[in-house]
Amino acid sequence: MAKGKDVRMRVILQCVSCVRKGANEESAGISRYSTQKNRHNTPGQLELRKFCRYCRKHTIHAEIKK
């Protein structure tokens, strides 16, 4: 099977509010999660509500490009 034909692909989710703050604020870093998505069922970007340890609350985590 060819490498590009896999249905499930690995994606990285990154906190949206940490990225907006930037490095100048109190944030010590950017929260990231790794997960998988089905390429056929979810062709667009994936967004999930996850816990950000730097913001200390549940925020939107959006898919980023590798």
C-alpha atoms as a PDB file:
ATOM      1  CA  MET A   1       0.000   0.000   0.000  1.00  0.00           C
ATOM      2  CA  ALA A   2       1.271   3.446  -0.876  1.00  0.00           C
ATOM      3  CA  LYS A   3       2.232   5.870   1.875  1.00  0.00           C
ATOM      4  CA  GLY A   4      -0.245   8.605   0.832  1.00  0.00           C
ATOM      5  CA  LYS A   5      -3.298   6.292   0.694  1.00  0.00           C
ATOM      6  CA  ASP A   6      -3.687   5.780   4.448  1.00  0.00           C
ATOM      7  CA  VAL A   7      -7.145   6.783   5.654  1.00  0.00           C
ATOM      8  CA  ARG A   8      -6.091   7.738   9.196  1.00  0.00           C
ATOM      9  CA  MET A   9      -3.494  10.445   9.512  1.00  0.00           C
ATOM     10  CA  ARG A  10      -1.665  11.876  12.514  1.00  0.00           C
ATOM     11  CA  VAL A  11      -2.337  15.537  13.358  1.00  0.00           C
ATOM     12  CA  ILE A  12      -1.057  18.006  15.951  1.00  0.00           C
ATOM     13  CA  LEU A  13      -3.499  20.266  17.809  1.00  0.00           C
ATOM     14  CA  GLN A  14      -2.230  23.596  19.151  1.00  0.00           C
ATOM     15  CA  CYS A  15      -3.878  25.991  21.617  1.00  0.00           C
ATOM     16  CA  VAL A  16      -5.364  28.989  19.800  1.00  0.00           C
ATOM     17  CA  SER A  17      -5.295  31.391  22.766  1.00  0.00           C
ATOM     18  CA  CYS A  18      -1.608  30.716  23.582  1.00  0.00           C
ATOM     19  CA  VAL A  19      -0.655  31.502  19.991  1.00  0.00           C
ATOM     20  CA  ARG A  20      -2.565  34.801  20.114  1.00  0.00           C
ATOM     21  CA  LYS A  21      -0.833  35.862  23.356  1.00  0.00           C
ATOM     22  CA  GLY A  22       2.614  35.347  21.902  1.00  0.00           C
ATOM     23  CA  ALA A  23       5.871  34.989  23.805  1.00  0.00           C
ATOM     24  CA  ASN A  24       5.597  38.431  25.456  1.00  0.00           C
ATOM     25  CA  GLU A  25       2.839  37.471  27.918  1.00  0.00           C
ATOM     26  CA  GLU A  26       3.051  35.316  31.045  1.00  0.00           C
ATOM     27  CA  SER A  27       2.547  32.117  29.042  1.00  0.00           C
ATOM     28  CA  ALA A  28       5.485  29.740  29.492  1.00  0.00           C
ATOM     29  CA  GLY A  29       4.795  27.874  26.260  1.00  0.00           C
ATOM     30  CA  ILE A  30       2.231  26.594  23.780  1.00  0.00           C
ATOM     31  CA  SER A  31       0.026  23.611  24.577  1.00  0.00           C
ATOM     32  CA  ARG A  32       0.054  20.871  21.925  1.00  0.00           C
ATOM     33  CA  TYR A  33      -1.740  17.531  21.615  1.00  0.00           C
ATOM     34  CA  SER A  34      -1.183  14.715  19.146  1.00  0.00           C
ATOM     35  CA  THR A  35      -4.113  12.703  17.772  1.00  0.00           C
ATOM     36  CA  GLN A  36      -5.413  10.950  14.657  1.00  0.00           C
ATOM     37  CA  LYS A  37      -8.224  11.821  12.269  1.00  0.00           C
ATOM     38  CA  ASN A  38      -9.977  10.077   9.435  1.00  0.00           C
ATOM     39  CA  ARG A  39      -9.073  11.850   6.213  1.00  0.00           C
ATOM     40  CA  HIS A  40     -12.350  10.908   4.467  1.00  0.00           C
ATOM     41  CA  ASN A  41     -14.744  11.860   7.292  1.00  0.00           C
ATOM     42  CA  THR A  42     -12.947  15.084   8.303  1.00  0.00           C
ATOM     43  CA  PRO A  43     -11.365  16.689   5.215  1.00  0.00           C
ATOM     44  CA  GLY A  44     -11.156  20.144   6.887  1.00  0.00           C
ATOM     45  CA  GLN A  45      -9.101  21.216   9.853  1.00  0.00           C
ATOM     46  CA  LEU A  46      -9.888  19.597  13.186  1.00  0.00           C
ATOM     47  CA  GLU A  47     -10.774  21.757  16.226  1.00  0.00           C
ATOM     48  CA  LEU A  48     -11.303  20.304  19.707  1.00  0.00           C
ATOM     49  CA  ARG A  49     -11.774  21.747  23.186  1.00  0.00           C
ATOM     50  CA  LYS A  50      -8.861  20.504  25.279  1.00  0.00           C
ATOM     51  CA  PHE A  51      -7.218  21.547  28.546  1.00  0.00           C
ATOM     52  CA  CYS A  52      -4.315  23.967  28.170  1.00  0.00           C
ATOM     53  CA  ARG A  53      -1.901  23.739  31.077  1.00  0.00           C
ATOM     54  CA  TYR A  54      -0.439  27.175  30.326  1.00  0.00           C
ATOM     55  CA  CYS A  55      -3.802  28.991  30.219  1.00  0.00           C
ATOM     56  CA  ARG A  56      -5.090  26.704  33.012  1.00  0.00           C
ATOM     57  CA  LYS A  57      -8.502  26.273  31.359  1.00  0.00           C
ATOM     58  CA  HIS A  58     -10.239  24.449  28.506  1.00  0.00           C
ATOM     59  CA  THR A  59      -9.591  26.211  25.189  1.00  0.00           C
ATOM     60  CA  ILE A  60      -9.947  25.537  21.478  1.00  0.00           C
ATOM     61  CA  HIS A  61      -7.057  23.555  20.012  1.00  0.00           C
ATOM     62  CA  ALA A  62      -6.792  23.722  16.206  1.00  0.00           C
ATOM     63  CA  GLU A  63      -4.910  21.488  13.811  1.00  0.00           C
ATOM     64  CA  ILE A  64      -1.549  22.816  12.568  1.00  0.00           C
ATOM     65  CA  LYS A  65       0.503  21.828   9.566  1.00  0.00           C
ATOM     66  CA  LYS A  66       3.548  19.625  10.101  1.00  0.00           C
END
